[in-house]
C-alpha atoms as a PDB file:
ATOM      1  CA  GLY A   1      85.407 165.632  87.838  1.00  0.00           C
ATOM      2  CA  VAL A   2      84.207 162.756  90.063  1.00  0.00           C
ATOM      3  CA  TYR A   3      87.301 160.659  89.364  1.00  0.00           C
ATOM      4  CA  ASP A   4      89.583 163.627  90.110  1.00  0.00           C
ATOM      5  CA  ARG A   5      87.786 164.393  93.398  1.00  0.00           C
ATOM      6  CA  LEU A   6      88.013 160.758  94.496  1.00  0.00           C
ATOM      7  CA  LEU A   7      91.666 160.616  93.512  1.00  0.00           C
ATOM      8  CA  LEU A   8      92.286 163.689  95.678  1.00  0.00           C
ATOM      9  CA  GLY A   9      90.402 162.097  98.587  1.00  0.00           C
ATOM     10  CA  GLN A  10      87.410 164.399  98.330  1.00  0.00           C
ATOM     11  CA  ARG A  11      83.916 163.003  98.706  1.00  0.00           C
ATOM     12  CA  SER A  12      80.991 164.391  96.833  1.00  0.00           C
ATOM     13  CA  GLY A  13      78.145 165.555  99.046  1.00  0.00           C
ATOM     14  CA  SER A  14      74.449 165.463  98.383  1.00  0.00           C
ATOM     15  CA  PHE A  15      73.149 167.459  95.444  1.00  0.00           C
ATOM     16  CA  ASP A  16      72.424 171.054  96.414  1.00  0.00           C
ATOM     17  CA  PRO A  17      70.784 173.156  93.683  1.00  0.00           C
ATOM     18  CA  GLU A  18      71.807 176.328  95.582  1.00  0.00           C
ATOM     19  CA  ALA A  19      75.494 175.389  95.604  1.00  0.00           C
ATOM     20  CA  PRO A  20      77.715 177.417  93.283  1.00  0.00           C
ATOM     21  CA  THR A  21      78.674 175.727  90.024  1.00  0.00           C
ATOM     22  CA  LEU A  22      82.028 173.999  90.241  1.00  0.00           C
ATOM     23  CA  LYS A  23      84.497 175.725  87.945  1.00  0.00           C
ATOM     24  CA  SER A  24      87.579 174.384  86.257  1.00  0.00           C
ATOM     25  CA  CYS A  25      90.948 175.610  87.472  1.00  0.00           C
ATOM     26  CA  ARG A  26      94.162 176.672  85.803  1.00  0.00           C
ATOM     27  CA  LEU A  27      97.327 177.410  87.709  1.00  0.00           C
ATOM     28  CA  TRP A  28      99.654 179.861  85.998  1.00  0.00           C
ATOM     29  CA  GLN A  29     103.292 180.150  87.053  1.00  0.00           C
ATOM     30  CA  LEU A  30     106.021 182.423  85.776  1.00  0.00           C
ATOM     31  CA  SER A  31     107.889 180.766  82.918  1.00  0.00           C
ATOM     32  CA  ARG A  32     111.603 180.114  82.997  1.00  0.00           C
ATOM     33  CA  ASP A  33     112.019 182.886  80.429  1.00  0.00           C
ATOM     34  CA  SER A  34     110.291 185.510  82.583  1.00  0.00           C
ATOM     35  CA  PRO A  35     112.387 188.308  84.104  1.00  0.00           C
ATOM     36  CA  ILE A  36     113.861 187.154  87.408  1.00  0.00           C
ATOM     37  CA  ASN A  37     112.963 190.419  89.188  1.00  0.00           C
ATOM     38  CA  ILE A  38     109.194 189.751  88.858  1.00  0.00           C
ATOM     39  CA  ARG A  39     109.354 186.344  90.537  1.00  0.00           C
ATOM     40  CA  PHE A  40     108.032 185.829  94.047  1.00  0.00           C
ATOM     41  CA  VAL A  41     107.029 189.451  94.646  1.00  0.00           C
ATOM     42  CA  SER A  42     103.913 190.751  96.335  1.00  0.00           C
ATOM     43  CA  TYR A  43     101.092 192.127  94.224  1.00  0.00           C
ATOM     44  CA  GLU A  44     101.780 195.657  95.482  1.00  0.00           C
ATOM     45  CA  THR A  45     105.453 195.412  94.487  1.00  0.00           C
ATOM     46  CA  MET A  46     104.553 193.912  91.107  1.00  0.00           C
ATOM     47  CA  VAL A  47     102.153 196.738  90.253  1.00  0.00           C
ATOM     48  CA  ARG A  48     104.381 199.499  91.610  1.00  0.00           C
ATOM     49  CA  ARG A  49     107.536 198.356  89.793  1.00  0.00           C
ATOM     50  CA  PHE A  50     106.290 196.534  86.697  1.00  0.00           C
ATOM     51  CA  GLY A  51     102.557 197.121  86.229  1.00  0.00           C
ATOM     52  CA  GLN A  52      99.843 194.464  86.256  1.00  0.00           C
ATOM     53  CA  PRO A  53     100.939 190.819  85.940  1.00  0.00           C
ATOM     54  CA  ASP A  54     101.419 190.086  82.226  1.00  0.00           C
ATOM     55  CA  ARG A  55     100.060 186.769  80.958  1.00  0.00           C
ATOM     56  CA  SER A  56     102.871 186.516  78.393  1.00  0.00           C
ATOM     57  CA  ASN A  57     105.324 185.928  81.299  1.00  0.00           C
ATOM     58  CA  TYR A  58     103.329 182.945  82.587  1.00  0.00           C
ATOM     59  CA  GLU A  59     102.630 179.380  81.552  1.00  0.00           C
ATOM     60  CA  VAL A  60      99.844 176.995  82.545  1.00  0.00           C
ATOM     61  CA  VAL A  61     101.130 174.217  84.817  1.00  0.00           C
ATOM     62  CA  TYR A  62      97.704 172.744  85.673  1.00  0.00           C
ATOM     63  CA  ASP A  63      94.340 172.733  83.905  1.00  0.00           C
ATOM     64  CA  GLY A  64      91.453 170.667  85.214  1.00  0.00           C
ATOM     65  CA  GLN A  65      88.824 170.272  87.888  1.00  0.00           C
ATOM     66  CA  ILE A  66      89.917 170.065  91.490  1.00  0.00           C
ATOM     67  CA  GLY A  67      86.593 169.785  93.306  1.00  0.00           C
ATOM     68  CA  THR A  68      86.387 173.227  94.883  1.00  0.00           C
ATOM     69  CA  ASN A  69      86.143 176.899  93.964  1.00  0.00           C
ATOM     70  CA  ASP A  70      87.584 177.981  97.316  1.00  0.00           C
ATOM     71  CA  LEU A  71      90.936 179.717  96.802  1.00  0.00           C
ATOM     72  CA  GLU A  72      92.352 178.739 100.196  1.00  0.00           C
ATOM     73  CA  GLU A  73      91.443 175.091  99.589  1.00  0.00           C
ATOM     74  CA  LEU A  74      93.080 175.277  96.161  1.00  0.00           C
ATOM     75  CA  TYR A  75      96.182 176.757  97.767  1.00  0.00           C
ATOM     76  CA  ALA A  76      96.351 173.838 100.213  1.00  0.00           C
ATOM     77  CA  ILE A  77      95.805 171.303  97.416  1.00  0.00           C
ATOM     78  CA  PHE A  78      98.593 172.739  95.240  1.00  0.00           C
ATOM     79  CA  ARG A  79     101.024 172.615  98.184  1.00  0.00           C
ATOM     80  CA  GLU A  80     101.076 168.830  97.651  1.00  0.00           C
ATOM     81  CA  PRO A  81     101.617 166.684  94.533  1.00  0.00           C
ATOM     82  CA  VAL A  82      98.481 166.645  92.348  1.00  0.00           C
ATOM     83  CA  PRO A  83      97.946 164.280  89.390  1.00  0.00           C
ATOM     84  CA  GLY A  84      98.454 166.227  86.153  1.00  0.00           C
ATOM     85  CA  TYR A  85     100.260 169.086  87.918  1.00  0.00           C
ATOM     86  CA  ASP A  86     103.776 169.638  86.625  1.00  0.00           C
ATOM     87  CA  GLY A  87     104.704 172.901  88.306  1.00  0.00           C
ATOM     88  CA  ARG A  88     106.440 173.814  91.529  1.00  0.00           C
ATOM     89  CA  VAL A  89     104.549 174.224  94.796  1.00  0.00           C
ATOM     90  CA  ILE A  90     102.099 177.152  94.569  1.00  0.00           C
ATOM     91  CA  GLY A  91     103.446 180.389  95.949  1.00  0.00           C
ATOM     92  CA  ILE A  92     103.594 184.147  95.736  1.00  0.00           C
ATOM     93  CA  SER A  93     103.296 185.577  92.173  1.00  0.00           C
ATOM     94  CA  ASP A  94     101.363 182.553  90.862  1.00  0.00           C
ATOM     95  CA  VAL A  95      97.920 183.113  89.343  1.00  0.00           C
ATOM     96  CA  LEU A  96      94.863 180.908  89.863  1.00  0.00           C
ATOM     97  CA  GLU A  97      92.181 181.012  87.187  1.00  0.00           C
ATOM     98  CA  LEU A  98      88.682 179.733  87.837  1.00  0.00           C
ATOM     99  CA  TYR A  99      86.715 179.379  84.628  1.00  0.00           C
ATOM    100  CA  ASP A 100      83.574 178.021  83.024  1.00  0.00           C
ATOM    101  CA  ALA A 101      81.555 178.659  79.866  1.00  0.00           C
ATOM    102  CA  ASP A 102      80.716 182.168  81.144  1.00  0.00           C
ATOM    103  CA  GLY A 103      84.343 183.305  81.451  1.00  0.00           C
ATOM    104  CA  SER A 104      87.345 183.420  83.753  1.00  0.00           C
ATOM    105  CA  ASP A 105      88.272 184.988  87.082  1.00  0.00           C
ATOM    106  CA  PHE A 106      91.956 185.439  87.914  1.00  0.00           C
ATOM    107  CA  TYR A 107      93.573 185.653  91.360  1.00  0.00           C
ATOM    108  CA  TYR A 108      97.149 186.639  92.169  1.00  0.00           C
ATOM    109  CA  CYS A 109      98.722 184.641  95.000  1.00  0.00           C
ATOM    110  CA  ASP A 110      99.931 187.388  97.326  1.00  0.00           C
ATOM    111  CA  ARG A 111     101.895 187.326 100.590  1.00  0.00           C
ATOM    112  CA  ILE A 112      98.640 186.624 102.405  1.00  0.00           C
ATOM    113  CA  GLY A 113      95.670 185.362 100.426  1.00  0.00           C
ATOM    114  CA  PHE A 114      94.697 186.152  96.851  1.00  0.00           C
ATOM    115  CA  ARG A 115      93.940 189.359  94.927  1.00  0.00           C
ATOM    116  CA  PRO A 116      91.467 189.427  92.029  1.00  0.00           C
ATOM    117  CA  ILE A 117      93.267 190.728  88.935  1.00  0.00           C
ATOM    118  CA  GLU A 118      92.837 191.406  85.252  1.00  0.00           C
ATOM    119  CA  PHE A 119      95.188 189.042  83.474  1.00  0.00           C
ATOM    120  CA  ALA A 120      95.880 189.982  79.883  1.00  0.00           C
ATOM    121  CA  SER A 121      99.114 190.105  77.981  1.00  0.00           C
ATOM    122  CA  GLN A 122     100.437 193.546  77.124  1.00  0.00           C
ATOM    123  CA  ARG A 123      99.731 192.738  73.460  1.00  0.00           C
ATOM    124  CA  GLU A 124      96.052 192.050  74.265  1.00  0.00           C
ATOM    125  CA  GLU A 125      95.807 195.294  76.260  1.00  0.00           C
ATOM    126  CA  LEU A 126      97.328 197.287  73.391  1.00  0.00           C
ATOM    127  CA  ARG A 127      94.946 195.672  70.911  1.00  0.00           C
ATOM    128  CA  HIS A 128      91.917 196.515  73.092  1.00  0.00           C
ATOM    129  CA  ALA A 129      93.148 200.084  73.562  1.00  0.00           C
ATOM    130  CA  SER A 130      93.637 200.631  69.826  1.00  0.00           C
ATOM    131  CA  MET A 131      90.230 199.116  69.055  1.00  0.00           C
ATOM    132  CA  SER A 132      88.511 201.425  71.548  1.00  0.00           C
ATOM    133  CA  GLU A 133      90.361 204.485  70.204  1.00  0.00           C
ATOM    134  CA  SER A 134      89.450 203.711  66.593  1.00  0.00           C
ATOM    135  CA  GLY A 135      85.823 202.859  67.420  1.00  0.00           C
END
């Protein structure tokens, strides 16, 4: 992570044991095969018309450490070219994932800011539902 932070022009500060653990980041963008009517829509519109964002419509365009867990900072970073990033500029309907060994948190890029979301594929949701019904 140090090399990546330096490459991005970020300086590491002094060690702070109270600072939150730096997580890795994935940026998910709608794939070229995804339905065109779900692209670049607000979270409210997505849920109202199509349900929760479905992971099977997305692909990972970045996976690595950026040097921050702050969503607004990540948004600013992904507005510019980033080494290892092969997607378009971050925008509405994209999903940021912050993850570590304890799990993942997902955030939908909305018209203003980010919304925390569950981010499973419909197949995963069906599998979990059938497991809970049979158990």
